Amino acid sequence: SFKLKKLRLANSPPMWIRKDGAFEPVVPPEVFHTAQAILKAR
C-alpha cells in the first residue's frame, strides 16, 4: 500500500488480491512449487 504519499507498506497475504489462472503459464506448476520449497529450505 502507498497511501496519502506515505512510505510503502507491505500487506499481509490475506489482503492480497489474486486471480489464479489469469494467463497461460510459462512454467509448470510442479516446477514452480519445487523451486519455492528449495528457496524456503535455504
Full PDB file with SEQRES, HELIX, SHEET, SSBOND, CRYST1, ORIGX, SCALE, CONECT and MASTER records, all heavy atoms in Angstrom:
SEQRES   1 A   42  SER PHE LYS LEU LYS LYS LEU ARG LEU ALA ASN SER PRO          
SEQRES   2 A   42  PRO MET TRP ILE ARG LYS ASP GLY ALA PHE GLU PRO VAL          
SEQRES   3 A   42  VAL PRO PRO GLU VAL PHE HIS THR ALA GLN ALA ILE LEU          
SEQRES   4 A   42  LYS ALA ARG                                                  
HELIX    1 AA1 PRO A   13  MET A   15  5                                   3    
HELIX    2 AA2 PRO A   29  ALA A   41  1                                  13    
CRYST1    1.000    1.000    1.000  90.00  90.00  90.00 P 1           1          
ORIGX1      1.000000  0.000000  0.000000        0.00000                         
ORIGX2      0.000000  1.000000  0.000000        0.00000                         
ORIGX3      0.000000  0.000000  1.000000        0.00000                         
SCALE1      1.000000  0.000000  0.000000        0.00000                         
SCALE2      0.000000  1.000000  0.000000        0.00000                         
SCALE3      0.000000  0.000000  1.000000        0.00000                         
ATOM      1  N   SER A   1       0.850  -1.198   0.000  1.00  0.00           N  
ATOM      2  CA  SER A   1       0.000   0.000   0.000  1.00  0.00           C  
ATOM      3  C   SER A   1       0.880   1.239   0.000  1.00  0.00           C  
ATOM      4  O   SER A   1       1.942   1.263   0.621  1.00  0.00           O  
ATOM      5  CB  SER A   1      -0.911   0.019   1.235  1.00  0.00           C  
ATOM      6  OG  SER A   1      -1.751  -1.117   1.247  1.00  0.00           O  
ATOM      7  N   PHE A   2       0.403   2.252  -0.702  1.00  0.00           N  
ATOM      8  CA  PHE A   2       1.141   3.520  -0.771  1.00  0.00           C  
ATOM      9  C   PHE A   2       0.112   4.632  -0.665  1.00  0.00           C  
ATOM     10  O   PHE A   2      -0.324   5.213  -1.643  1.00  0.00           O  
ATOM     11  CB  PHE A   2       1.899   3.607  -2.102  1.00  0.00           C  
ATOM     12  CG  PHE A   2       2.840   4.779  -2.182  1.00  0.00           C  
ATOM     13  CD1 PHE A   2       3.887   4.908  -1.292  1.00  0.00           C  
ATOM     14  CD2 PHE A   2       2.670   5.758  -3.148  1.00  0.00           C  
ATOM     15  CE1 PHE A   2       4.764   5.968  -1.365  1.00  0.00           C  
ATOM     16  CE2 PHE A   2       3.536   6.829  -3.234  1.00  0.00           C  
ATOM     17  CZ  PHE A   2       4.581   6.941  -2.345  1.00  0.00           C  
ATOM     18  N   LYS A   3      -0.345   4.871   0.570  1.00  0.00           N  
ATOM     19  CA  LYS A   3      -1.482   5.746   0.798  1.00  0.00           C  
ATOM     20  C   LYS A   3      -1.047   7.129   1.252  1.00  0.00           C  
ATOM     21  O   LYS A   3      -0.169   7.270   2.092  1.00  0.00           O  
ATOM     22  CB  LYS A   3      -2.415   5.132   1.847  1.00  0.00           C  
ATOM     23  CG  LYS A   3      -2.944   3.754   1.446  1.00  0.00           C  
ATOM     24  CD  LYS A   3      -3.755   3.117   2.564  1.00  0.00           C  
ATOM     25  CE  LYS A   3      -4.222   1.727   2.169  1.00  0.00           C  
ATOM     26  NZ  LYS A   3      -4.975   1.067   3.264  1.00  0.00           N  
ATOM     27  N   LEU A   4      -1.702   8.139   0.690  1.00  0.00           N  
ATOM     28  CA  LEU A   4      -1.526   9.531   1.136  1.00  0.00           C  
ATOM     29  C   LEU A   4      -0.055   9.940   1.155  1.00  0.00           C  
ATOM     30  O   LEU A   4       0.400  10.630   2.049  1.00  0.00           O  
ATOM     31  CB  LEU A   4      -2.146   9.729   2.518  1.00  0.00           C  
ATOM     32  CG  LEU A   4      -3.635   9.415   2.621  1.00  0.00           C  
ATOM     33  CD1 LEU A   4      -4.113   9.582   4.040  1.00  0.00           C  
ATOM     34  CD2 LEU A   4      -4.452  10.303   1.679  1.00  0.00           C  
ATOM     35  N   LYS A   5       0.687   9.498   0.135  1.00  0.00           N  
ATOM     36  CA  LYS A   5       2.090   9.884  -0.019  1.00  0.00           C  
ATOM     37  C   LYS A   5       2.972   9.436   1.135  1.00  0.00           C  
ATOM     38  O   LYS A   5       4.010  10.029   1.401  1.00  0.00           O  
ATOM     39  CB  LYS A   5       2.209  11.400  -0.209  1.00  0.00           C  
ATOM     40  CG  LYS A   5       1.356  11.957  -1.324  1.00  0.00           C  
ATOM     41  CD  LYS A   5       1.768  11.396  -2.664  1.00  0.00           C  
ATOM     42  CE  LYS A   5       0.946  11.995  -3.796  1.00  0.00           C  
ATOM     43  NZ  LYS A   5       1.292  11.423  -5.094  1.00  0.00           N  
ATOM     44  N   LYS A   6       2.561   8.370   1.834  1.00  0.00           N  
ATOM     45  CA  LYS A   6       3.381   7.847   2.928  1.00  0.00           C  
ATOM     46  C   LYS A   6       4.315   6.762   2.382  1.00  0.00           C  
ATOM     47  O   LYS A   6       4.288   6.425   1.206  1.00  0.00           O  
ATOM     48  CB  LYS A   6       2.493   7.277   4.036  1.00  0.00           C  
ATOM     49  CG  LYS A   6       1.520   8.289   4.626  1.00  0.00           C  
ATOM     50  CD  LYS A   6       2.241   9.405   5.348  1.00  0.00           C  
ATOM     51  CE  LYS A   6       1.264  10.367   6.000  1.00  0.00           C  
ATOM     52  NZ  LYS A   6       1.934  11.491   6.643  1.00  0.00           N  
ATOM     53  N   LEU A   7       5.135   6.190   3.282  1.00  0.00           N  
ATOM     54  CA  LEU A   7       6.014   5.116   2.873  1.00  0.00           C  
ATOM     55  C   LEU A   7       5.201   3.895   2.465  1.00  0.00           C  
ATOM     56  O   LEU A   7       4.134   3.630   3.001  1.00  0.00           O  
ATOM     57  CB  LEU A   7       6.966   4.747   4.010  1.00  0.00           C  
ATOM     58  CG  LEU A   7       8.001   5.801   4.408  1.00  0.00           C  
ATOM     59  CD1 LEU A   7       8.792   5.312   5.612  1.00  0.00           C  
ATOM     60  CD2 LEU A   7       8.940   6.106   3.245  1.00  0.00           C  
ATOM     61  N   ARG A   8       5.744   3.146   1.514  1.00  0.00           N  
ATOM     62  CA  ARG A   8       5.065   1.942   1.046  1.00  0.00           C  
ATOM     63  C   ARG A   8       5.084   0.885   2.143  1.00  0.00           C  
ATOM     64  O   ARG A   8       6.108   0.622   2.756  1.00  0.00           O  
ATOM     65  CB  ARG A   8       5.752   1.400  -0.205  1.00  0.00           C  
ATOM     66  CG  ARG A   8       5.009   0.243  -0.861  1.00  0.00           C  
ATOM     67  CD  ARG A   8       5.752  -0.230  -2.106  1.00  0.00           C  
ATOM     68  NE  ARG A   8       4.983  -1.194  -2.849  1.00  0.00           N  
ATOM     69  CZ  ARG A   8       4.919  -2.494  -2.573  1.00  0.00           C  
ATOM     70  NH1 ARG A   8       5.629  -2.962  -1.549  1.00  0.00           N  
ATOM     71  NH2 ARG A   8       4.198  -3.313  -3.305  1.00  0.00           N  
ATOM     72  N   LEU A   9       3.921   0.263   2.395  1.00  0.00           N  
ATOM     73  CA  LEU A   9       3.802  -0.756   3.425  1.00  0.00           C  
ATOM     74  C   LEU A   9       3.477  -2.089   2.781  1.00  0.00           C  
ATOM     75  O   LEU A   9       2.692  -2.160   1.833  1.00  0.00           O  
ATOM     76  CB  LEU A   9       2.699  -0.381   4.425  1.00  0.00           C  
ATOM     77  CG  LEU A   9       2.869   0.954   5.170  1.00  0.00           C  
ATOM     78  CD1 LEU A   9       1.648   1.224   6.024  1.00  0.00           C  
ATOM     79  CD2 LEU A   9       4.127   0.926   6.024  1.00  0.00           C  
ATOM     80  N   ALA A  10       4.090  -3.150   3.290  1.00  0.00           N  
ATOM     81  CA  ALA A  10       3.805  -4.491   2.788  1.00  0.00           C  
ATOM     82  C   ALA A  10       2.517  -5.002   3.426  1.00  0.00           C  
ATOM     83  O   ALA A  10       2.358  -4.975   4.646  1.00  0.00           O  
ATOM     84  CB  ALA A  10       4.968  -5.425   3.110  1.00  0.00           C  
ATOM     85  N   ASN A  11       1.575  -5.451   2.583  1.00  0.00           N  
ATOM     86  CA  ASN A  11       0.322  -6.002   3.084  1.00  0.00           C  
ATOM     87  C   ASN A  11       0.489  -7.479   3.396  1.00  0.00           C  
ATOM     88  O   ASN A  11       1.263  -8.191   2.740  1.00  0.00           O  
ATOM     89  CB  ASN A  11      -0.794  -5.820   2.048  1.00  0.00           C  
ATOM     90  CG  ASN A  11      -1.149  -4.356   1.847  1.00  0.00           C  
ATOM     91  OD1 ASN A  11      -1.015  -3.555   2.757  1.00  0.00           O  
ATOM     92  ND2 ASN A  11      -1.610  -4.007   0.653  1.00  0.00           N  
ATOM     93  N   SER A  12      -0.275  -7.964   4.386  1.00  0.00           N  
ATOM     94  CA  SER A  12      -0.242  -9.390   4.723  1.00  0.00           C  
ATOM     95  C   SER A  12      -0.981 -10.182   3.641  1.00  0.00           C  
ATOM     96  O   SER A  12      -1.852  -9.646   2.950  1.00  0.00           O  
ATOM     97  CB  SER A  12      -0.905  -9.614   6.082  1.00  0.00           C  
ATOM     98  OG  SER A  12      -2.249  -9.156   6.054  1.00  0.00           O  
ATOM     99  N   PRO A  13      -0.645 -11.478   3.452  1.00  0.00           N  
ATOM    100  CA  PRO A  13      -1.275 -12.281   2.397  1.00  0.00           C  
ATOM    101  C   PRO A  13      -2.801 -12.237   2.364  1.00  0.00           C  
ATOM    102  O   PRO A  13      -3.377 -12.241   1.263  1.00  0.00           O  
ATOM    103  CB  PRO A  13      -0.747 -13.697   2.691  1.00  0.00           C  
ATOM    104  CG  PRO A  13       0.604 -13.458   3.297  1.00  0.00           C  
ATOM    105  CD  PRO A  13       0.439 -12.214   4.118  1.00  0.00           C  
ATOM    106  N   PRO A  14      -3.512 -12.188   3.512  1.00  0.00           N  
ATOM    107  CA  PRO A  14      -4.983 -12.124   3.417  1.00  0.00           C  
ATOM    108  C   PRO A  14      -5.485 -10.869   2.686  1.00  0.00           C  
ATOM    109  O   PRO A  14      -6.625 -10.856   2.196  1.00  0.00           O  
ATOM    110  CB  PRO A  14      -5.429 -12.123   4.880  1.00  0.00           C  
ATOM    111  CG  PRO A  14      -4.325 -12.804   5.620  1.00  0.00           C  
ATOM    112  CD  PRO A  14      -3.076 -12.385   4.917  1.00  0.00           C  
ATOM    113  N   MET A  15      -4.663  -9.821   2.606  1.00  0.00           N  
ATOM    114  CA  MET A  15      -5.081  -8.595   1.925  1.00  0.00           C  
ATOM    115  C   MET A  15      -4.765  -8.627   0.432  1.00  0.00           C  
ATOM    116  O   MET A  15      -5.192  -7.761  -0.304  1.00  0.00           O  
ATOM    117  CB  MET A  15      -4.393  -7.383   2.566  1.00  0.00           C  
ATOM    118  CG  MET A  15      -4.752  -7.140   4.012  1.00  0.00           C  
ATOM    119  SD  MET A  15      -3.828  -5.747   4.713  1.00  0.00           S  
ATOM    120  CE  MET A  15      -4.422  -4.384   3.703  1.00  0.00           C  
ATOM    121  N   TRP A  16      -4.009  -9.632  -0.018  1.00  0.00           N  
ATOM    122  CA  TRP A  16      -3.657  -9.698  -1.424  1.00  0.00           C  
ATOM    123  C   TRP A  16      -4.907  -9.983  -2.256  1.00  0.00           C  
ATOM    124  O   TRP A  16      -5.841 -10.656  -1.824  1.00  0.00           O  
ATOM    125  CB  TRP A  16      -2.640 -10.801  -1.683  1.00  0.00           C  
ATOM    126  CG  TRP A  16      -1.305 -10.577  -1.025  1.00  0.00           C  
ATOM    127  CD1 TRP A  16      -0.919  -9.482  -0.307  1.00  0.00           C  
ATOM    128  CD2 TRP A  16      -0.206 -11.488  -1.000  1.00  0.00           C  
ATOM    129  NE1 TRP A  16       0.362  -9.636   0.144  1.00  0.00           N  
ATOM    130  CE2 TRP A  16       0.835 -10.853  -0.270  1.00  0.00           C  
ATOM    131  CE3 TRP A  16       0.013 -12.744  -1.532  1.00  0.00           C  
ATOM    132  CZ2 TRP A  16       2.056 -11.470  -0.049  1.00  0.00           C  
ATOM    133  CZ3 TRP A  16       1.244 -13.360  -1.324  1.00  0.00           C  
ATOM    134  CH2 TRP A  16       2.246 -12.729  -0.594  1.00  0.00           C  
ATOM    135  N   ILE A  17      -4.913  -9.478  -3.447  1.00  0.00           N  
ATOM    136  CA  ILE A  17      -5.992  -9.753  -4.401  1.00  0.00           C  
ATOM    137  C   ILE A  17      -5.393 -10.613  -5.501  1.00  0.00           C  
ATOM    138  O   ILE A  17      -4.398 -10.238  -6.106  1.00  0.00           O  
ATOM    139  CB  ILE A  17      -6.575  -8.449  -4.983  1.00  0.00           C  
ATOM    140  CG1 ILE A  17      -7.130  -7.588  -3.850  1.00  0.00           C  
ATOM    141  CG2 ILE A  17      -7.652  -8.744  -6.015  1.00  0.00           C  
ATOM    142  CD1 ILE A  17      -7.567  -6.207  -4.291  1.00  0.00           C  
ATOM    143  N   ARG A  18      -6.002 -11.756  -5.753  1.00  0.00           N  
ATOM    144  CA  ARG A  18      -5.394 -12.685  -6.686  1.00  0.00           C  
ATOM    145  C   ARG A  18      -6.423 -13.245  -7.659  1.00  0.00           C  
ATOM    146  O   ARG A  18      -7.606 -13.338  -7.357  1.00  0.00           O  
ATOM    147  CB  ARG A  18      -4.674 -13.809  -5.953  1.00  0.00           C  
ATOM    148  CG  ARG A  18      -5.567 -14.665  -5.074  1.00  0.00           C  
ATOM    149  CD  ARG A  18      -4.749 -15.682  -4.277  1.00  0.00           C  
ATOM    150  NE  ARG A  18      -3.968 -16.523  -5.166  1.00  0.00           N  
ATOM    151  CZ  ARG A  18      -2.647 -16.664  -5.071  1.00  0.00           C  
ATOM    152  NH1 ARG A  18      -1.977 -16.008  -4.132  1.00  0.00           N  
ATOM    153  NH2 ARG A  18      -2.000 -17.448  -5.900  1.00  0.00           N  
ATOM    154  N   LYS A  19      -5.948 -13.614  -8.812  1.00  0.00           N  
ATOM    155  CA  LYS A  19      -6.750 -14.302  -9.815  1.00  0.00           C  
ATOM    156  C   LYS A  19      -5.896 -15.446 -10.346  1.00  0.00           C  
ATOM    157  O   LYS A  19      -4.952 -15.237 -11.115  1.00  0.00           O  
ATOM    158  CB  LYS A  19      -7.121 -13.338 -10.948  1.00  0.00           C  
ATOM    159  CG  LYS A  19      -7.744 -14.011 -12.165  1.00  0.00           C  
ATOM    160  CD  LYS A  19      -9.075 -14.663 -11.845  1.00  0.00           C  
ATOM    161  CE  LYS A  19      -9.678 -15.256 -13.137  1.00  0.00           C  
ATOM    162  NZ  LYS A  19     -10.915 -15.999 -12.854  1.00  0.00           N  
ATOM    163  N   ASP A  20      -6.206 -16.648  -9.891  1.00  0.00           N  
ATOM    164  CA  ASP A  20      -5.470 -17.813 -10.364  1.00  0.00           C  
ATOM    165  C   ASP A  20      -5.880 -18.133 -11.796  1.00  0.00           C  
ATOM    166  O   ASP A  20      -7.056 -18.020 -12.165  1.00  0.00           O  
ATOM    167  CB  ASP A  20      -5.735 -19.019  -9.461  1.00  0.00           C  
ATOM    168  CG  ASP A  20      -5.169 -18.824  -8.062  1.00  0.00           C  
ATOM    169  OD1 ASP A  20      -4.299 -17.949  -7.905  1.00  0.00           O  
ATOM    170  OD2 ASP A  20      -5.601 -19.529  -7.136  1.00  0.00           O  
ATOM    171  N   GLY A  21      -4.915 -18.534 -12.601  1.00  0.00           N  
ATOM    172  CA  GLY A  21      -5.192 -18.869 -13.984  1.00  0.00           C  
ATOM    173  C   GLY A  21      -5.538 -17.665 -14.834  1.00  0.00           C  
ATOM    174  O   GLY A  21      -6.303 -17.778 -15.803  1.00  0.00           O  
ATOM    175  N   ALA A  22      -4.986 -16.506 -14.486  1.00  0.00           N  
ATOM    176  CA  ALA A  22      -5.284 -15.291 -15.259  1.00  0.00           C  
ATOM    177  C   ALA A  22      -4.621 -15.321 -16.629  1.00  0.00           C  
ATOM    178  O   ALA A  22      -5.134 -14.749 -17.583  1.00  0.00           O  
ATOM    179  CB  ALA A  22      -4.820 -14.051 -14.489  1.00  0.00           C  
ATOM    180  N   PHE A  23      -3.457 -15.969 -16.736  1.00  0.00           N  
ATOM    181  CA  PHE A  23      -2.779 -16.069 -18.027  1.00  0.00           C  
ATOM    182  C   PHE A  23      -2.265 -17.486 -18.221  1.00  0.00           C  
ATOM    183  O   PHE A  23      -2.258 -18.302 -17.293  1.00  0.00           O  
ATOM    184  CB  PHE A  23      -1.580 -15.105 -18.151  1.00  0.00           C  
ATOM    185  CG  PHE A  23      -1.450 -14.087 -17.063  1.00  0.00           C  
ATOM    186  CD1 PHE A  23      -0.633 -14.308 -15.959  1.00  0.00           C  
ATOM    187  CD2 PHE A  23      -2.132 -12.886 -17.138  1.00  0.00           C  
ATOM    188  CE1 PHE A  23      -0.513 -13.367 -14.959  1.00  0.00           C  
ATOM    189  CE2 PHE A  23      -2.007 -11.947 -16.140  1.00  0.00           C  
ATOM    190  CZ  PHE A  23      -1.207 -12.183 -15.049  1.00  0.00           C  
ATOM    191  N   GLU A  24      -1.824 -17.743 -19.430  1.00  0.00           N  
ATOM    192  CA  GLU A  24      -1.273 -19.057 -19.733  1.00  0.00           C  
ATOM    193  C   GLU A  24       0.095 -19.191 -19.053  1.00  0.00           C  
ATOM    194  O   GLU A  24       0.966 -18.330 -19.233  1.00  0.00           O  
ATOM    195  CB  GLU A  24      -1.121 -19.223 -21.248  1.00  0.00           C  
ATOM    196  CG  GLU A  24      -0.636 -20.602 -21.666  1.00  0.00           C  
ATOM    197  CD  GLU A  24      -0.554 -20.740 -23.172  1.00  0.00           C  
ATOM    198  OE1 GLU A  24      -1.083 -19.848 -23.877  1.00  0.00           O  
ATOM    199  OE2 GLU A  24       0.047 -21.723 -23.634  1.00  0.00           O  
ATOM    200  N   PRO A  25       0.317 -20.252 -18.288  1.00  0.00           N  
ATOM    201  CA  PRO A  25       1.605 -20.392 -17.580  1.00  0.00           C  
ATOM    202  C   PRO A  25       2.751 -20.667 -18.541  1.00  0.00           C  
ATOM    203  O   PRO A  25       2.568 -21.268 -19.597  1.00  0.00           O  
ATOM    204  CB  PRO A  25       1.369 -21.583 -16.649  1.00  0.00           C  
ATOM    205  CG  PRO A  25       0.276 -22.365 -17.298  1.00  0.00           C  
ATOM    206  CD  PRO A  25      -0.605 -21.358 -17.991  1.00  0.00           C  
ATOM    207  N   VAL A  26       3.945 -20.198 -18.141  1.00  0.00           N  
ATOM    208  CA  VAL A  26       5.154 -20.480 -18.922  1.00  0.00           C  
ATOM    209  C   VAL A  26       6.067 -21.436 -18.173  1.00  0.00           C  
ATOM    210  O   VAL A  26       7.063 -21.900 -18.729  1.00  0.00           O  
ATOM    211  CB  VAL A  26       5.905 -19.176 -19.280  1.00  0.00           C  
ATOM    212  CG1 VAL A  26       5.044 -18.275 -20.146  1.00  0.00           C  
ATOM    213  CG2 VAL A  26       6.383 -18.450 -18.037  1.00  0.00           C  
ATOM    214  N   VAL A  27       5.749 -21.685 -16.891  1.00  0.00           N  
ATOM    215  CA  VAL A  27       6.498 -22.641 -16.067  1.00  0.00           C  
ATOM    216  C   VAL A  27       5.494 -23.643 -15.504  1.00  0.00           C  
ATOM    217  O   VAL A  27       4.454 -23.239 -14.979  1.00  0.00           O  
ATOM    218  CB  VAL A  27       7.243 -21.921 -14.916  1.00  0.00           C  
ATOM    219  CG1 VAL A  27       7.889 -22.926 -13.974  1.00  0.00           C  
ATOM    220  CG2 VAL A  27       8.277 -20.964 -15.466  1.00  0.00           C  
ATOM    221  N   PRO A  28       5.765 -24.950 -15.580  1.00  0.00           N  
ATOM    222  CA  PRO A  28       4.850 -25.934 -14.993  1.00  0.00           C  
ATOM    223  C   PRO A  28       4.677 -25.696 -13.494  1.00  0.00           C  
ATOM    224  O   PRO A  28       5.663 -25.439 -12.781  1.00  0.00           O  
ATOM    225  CB  PRO A  28       5.541 -27.276 -15.266  1.00  0.00           C  
ATOM    226  CG  PRO A  28       6.421 -27.008 -16.445  1.00  0.00           C  
ATOM    227  CD  PRO A  28       6.884 -25.584 -16.287  1.00  0.00           C  
ATOM    228  N   PRO A  29       3.435 -25.807 -12.977  1.00  0.00           N  
ATOM    229  CA  PRO A  29       3.204 -25.542 -11.541  1.00  0.00           C  
ATOM    230  C   PRO A  29       4.068 -26.396 -10.624  1.00  0.00           C  
ATOM    231  O   PRO A  29       4.558 -25.905  -9.603  1.00  0.00           O  
ATOM    232  CB  PRO A  29       1.713 -25.867 -11.373  1.00  0.00           C  
ATOM    233  CG  PRO A  29       1.129 -25.636 -12.725  1.00  0.00           C  
ATOM    234  CD  PRO A  29       2.184 -26.054 -13.698  1.00  0.00           C  
ATOM    235  N   GLU A  30       4.278 -27.691 -10.978  1.00  0.00           N  
ATOM    236  CA  GLU A  30       5.077 -28.549 -10.093  1.00  0.00           C  
ATOM    237  C   GLU A  30       6.528 -28.080 -10.030  1.00  0.00           C  
ATOM    238  O   GLU A  30       7.186 -28.196  -8.983  1.00  0.00           O  
ATOM    239  CB  GLU A  30       5.002 -29.999 -10.558  1.00  0.00           C  
ATOM    240  CG  GLU A  30       5.548 -30.272 -11.951  1.00  0.00           C  
ATOM    241  CD  GLU A  30       4.519 -30.066 -13.056  1.00  0.00           C  
ATOM    242  OE1 GLU A  30       3.463 -29.446 -12.780  1.00  0.00           O  
ATOM    243  OE2 GLU A  30       4.775 -30.523 -14.184  1.00  0.00           O  
ATOM    244  N   VAL A  31       7.028 -27.511 -11.128  1.00  0.00           N  
ATOM    245  CA  VAL A  31       8.390 -26.972 -11.133  1.00  0.00           C  
ATOM    246  C   VAL A  31       8.461 -25.740 -10.236  1.00  0.00           C  
ATOM    247  O   VAL A  31       9.401 -25.569  -9.444  1.00  0.00           O  
ATOM    248  CB  VAL A  31       8.821 -26.624 -12.575  1.00  0.00           C  
ATOM    249  CG1 VAL A  31      10.151 -25.867 -12.578  1.00  0.00           C  
ATOM    250  CG2 VAL A  31       8.928 -27.892 -13.413  1.00  0.00           C  
ATOM    251  N   PHE A  32       7.463 -24.860 -10.362  1.00  0.00           N  
ATOM    252  CA  PHE A  32       7.437 -23.633  -9.556  1.00  0.00           C  
ATOM    253  C   PHE A  32       7.406 -23.969  -8.062  1.00  0.00           C  
ATOM    254  O   PHE A  32       8.173 -23.396  -7.273  1.00  0.00           O  
ATOM    255  CB  PHE A  32       6.224 -22.789  -9.941  1.00  0.00           C  
ATOM    256  CG  PHE A  32       6.077 -21.523  -9.143  1.00  0.00           C  
ATOM    257  CD1 PHE A  32       6.757 -20.371  -9.502  1.00  0.00           C  
ATOM    258  CD2 PHE A  32       5.266 -21.481  -8.015  1.00  0.00           C  
ATOM    259  CE1 PHE A  32       6.633 -19.203  -8.759  1.00  0.00           C  
ATOM    260  CE2 PHE A  32       5.132 -20.320  -7.271  1.00  0.00           C  
ATOM    261  CZ  PHE A  32       5.814 -19.176  -7.648  1.00  0.00           C  
ATOM    262  N   HIS A  33       6.527 -24.887  -7.663  1.00  0.00           N  
ATOM    263  CA  HIS A  33       6.378 -25.198  -6.235  1.00  0.00           C  
ATOM    264  C   HIS A  33       7.615 -25.924  -5.700  1.00  0.00           C  
ATOM    265  O   HIS A  33       7.979 -25.753  -4.529  1.00  0.00           O  
ATOM    266  CB  HIS A  33       5.120 -26.026  -6.014  1.00  0.00           C  
ATOM    267  CG  HIS A  33       3.857 -25.255  -6.285  1.00  0.00           C  
ATOM    268  ND1 HIS A  33       3.544 -24.094  -5.622  1.00  0.00           N  
ATOM    269  CD2 HIS A  33       2.853 -25.470  -7.180  1.00  0.00           C  
ATOM    270  CE1 HIS A  33       2.380 -23.615  -6.063  1.00  0.00           C  
ATOM    271  NE2 HIS A  33       1.946 -24.432  -7.017  1.00  0.00           N  
ATOM    272  N   THR A  34       8.287 -26.698  -6.539  1.00  0.00           N  
ATOM    273  CA  THR A  34       9.548 -27.316  -6.120  1.00  0.00           C  
ATOM    274  C   THR A  34      10.599 -26.239  -5.845  1.00  0.00           C  
ATOM    275  O   THR A  34      11.348 -26.317  -4.860  1.00  0.00           O  
ATOM    276  CB  THR A  34      10.058 -28.278  -7.204  1.00  0.00           C  
ATOM    277  OG1 THR A  34       9.088 -29.304  -7.423  1.00  0.00           O  
ATOM    278  CG2 THR A  34      11.375 -28.919  -6.789  1.00  0.00           C  
ATOM    279  N   ALA A  35      10.633 -25.233  -6.711  1.00  0.00           N  
ATOM    280  CA  ALA A  35      11.581 -24.121  -6.526  1.00  0.00           C  
ATOM    281  C   ALA A  35      11.295 -23.381  -5.227  1.00  0.00           C  
ATOM    282  O   ALA A  35      12.232 -23.010  -4.493  1.00  0.00           O  
ATOM    283  CB  ALA A  35      11.499 -23.168  -7.718  1.00  0.00           C  
ATOM    284  N   GLN A  36      10.013 -23.179  -4.903  1.00  0.00           N  
ATOM    285  CA  GLN A  36       9.680 -22.471  -3.668  1.00  0.00           C  
ATOM    286  C   GLN A  36      10.136 -23.255  -2.443  1.00  0.00           C  
ATOM    287  O   GLN A  36      10.603 -22.683  -1.452  1.00  0.00           O  
ATOM    288  CB  GLN A  36       8.165 -22.202  -3.583  1.00  0.00           C  
ATOM    289  CG  GLN A  36       7.572 -21.466  -4.784  1.00  0.00           C  
ATOM    290  CD  GLN A  36       8.459 -20.368  -5.301  1.00  0.00           C  
ATOM    291  OE1 GLN A  36       8.766 -19.405  -4.602  1.00  0.00           O  
ATOM    292  NE2 GLN A  36       8.886 -20.501  -6.555  1.00  0.00           N  
ATOM    293  N   ALA A  37       9.993 -24.583  -2.505  1.00  0.00           N  
ATOM    294  CA  ALA A  37      10.423 -25.420  -1.380  1.00  0.00           C  
ATOM    295  C   ALA A  37      11.934 -25.345  -1.188  1.00  0.00           C  
ATOM    296  O   ALA A  37      12.425 -25.284  -0.049  1.00  0.00           O  
ATOM    297  CB  ALA A  37       9.981 -26.862  -1.624  1.00  0.00           C  
ATOM    298  N   ILE A  38      12.674 -25.326  -2.297  1.00  0.00           N  
ATOM    299  CA  ILE A  38      14.135 -25.226  -2.206  1.00  0.00           C  
ATOM    300  C   ILE A  38      14.548 -23.891  -1.607  1.00  0.00           C  
ATOM    301  O   ILE A  38      15.404 -23.827  -0.713  1.00  0.00           O  
ATOM    302  CB  ILE A  38      14.765 -25.412  -3.606  1.00  0.00           C  
ATOM    303  CG1 ILE A  38      14.572 -26.848  -4.084  1.00  0.00           C  
ATOM    304  CG2 ILE A  38      16.250 -25.039  -3.586  1.00  0.00           C  
ATOM    305  CD1 ILE A  38      15.014 -27.081  -5.512  1.00  0.00           C  
ATOM    306  N   LEU A  39      13.939 -22.817  -2.086  1.00  0.00           N  
ATOM    307  CA  LEU A  39      14.301 -21.488  -1.578  1.00  0.00           C  
ATOM    308  C   LEU A  39      13.942 -21.333  -0.112  1.00  0.00           C  
ATOM    309  O   LEU A  39      14.678 -20.715   0.660  1.00  0.00           O  
ATOM    310  CB  LEU A  39      13.602 -20.412  -2.418  1.00  0.00           C  
ATOM    311  CG  LEU A  39      14.063 -20.310  -3.882  1.00  0.00           C  
ATOM    312  CD1 LEU A  39      13.188 -19.312  -4.653  1.00  0.00           C  
ATOM    313  CD2 LEU A  39      15.523 -19.885  -3.960  1.00  0.00           C  
ATOM    314  N   LYS A  40      12.789 -21.898   0.274  1.00  0.00           N  
ATOM    315  CA  LYS A  40      12.371 -21.812   1.680  1.00  0.00           C  
ATOM    316  C   LYS A  40      13.332 -22.592   2.573  1.00  0.00           C  
ATOM    317  O   LYS A  40      13.662 -22.153   3.680  1.00  0.00           O  
ATOM    318  CB  LYS A  40      10.953 -22.346   1.832  1.00  0.00           C  
ATOM    319  CG  LYS A  40      10.391 -22.174   3.232  1.00  0.00           C  
ATOM    320  CD  LYS A  40       8.934 -22.623   3.308  1.00  0.00           C  
ATOM    321  CE  LYS A  40       8.379 -22.410   4.710  1.00  0.00           C  
ATOM    322  NZ  LYS A  40       6.948 -22.861   4.795  1.00  0.00           N  
ATOM    323  N   ALA A  41      13.798 -23.752   2.095  1.00  0.00           N  
ATOM    324  CA  ALA A  41      14.712 -24.566   2.899  1.00  0.00           C  
ATOM    325  C   ALA A  41      16.057 -23.887   3.074  1.00  0.00           C  
ATOM    326  O   ALA A  41      16.773 -24.157   4.050  1.00  0.00           O  
ATOM    327  CB  ALA A  41      14.898 -25.931   2.239  1.00  0.00           C  
ATOM    328  N   ARG A  42      16.423 -23.006   2.155  1.00  0.00           N  
ATOM    329  CA  ARG A  42      17.712 -22.316   2.250  1.00  0.00           C  
ATOM    330  C   ARG A  42      17.703 -21.185   3.268  1.00  0.00           C  
ATOM    331  O   ARG A  42      18.759 -20.704   3.673  1.00  0.00           O  
ATOM    332  CB  ARG A  42      18.094 -21.744   0.887  1.00  0.00           C  
ATOM    333  CG  ARG A  42      18.500 -22.781  -0.129  1.00  0.00           C  
ATOM    334  CD  ARG A  42      18.880 -22.117  -1.440  1.00  0.00           C  
ATOM    335  NE  ARG A  42      19.295 -23.073  -2.449  1.00  0.00           N  
ATOM    336  CZ  ARG A  42      19.660 -22.728  -3.681  1.00  0.00           C  
ATOM    337  NH1 ARG A  42      19.636 -21.446  -4.041  1.00  0.00           N  
ATOM    338  NH2 ARG A  42      20.026 -23.651  -4.556  1.00  0.00           N  
TER     339      ARG A  42                                                      
MASTER        0    0    0    2    0    0    0    6  338    1    0    4          
END                                                                             
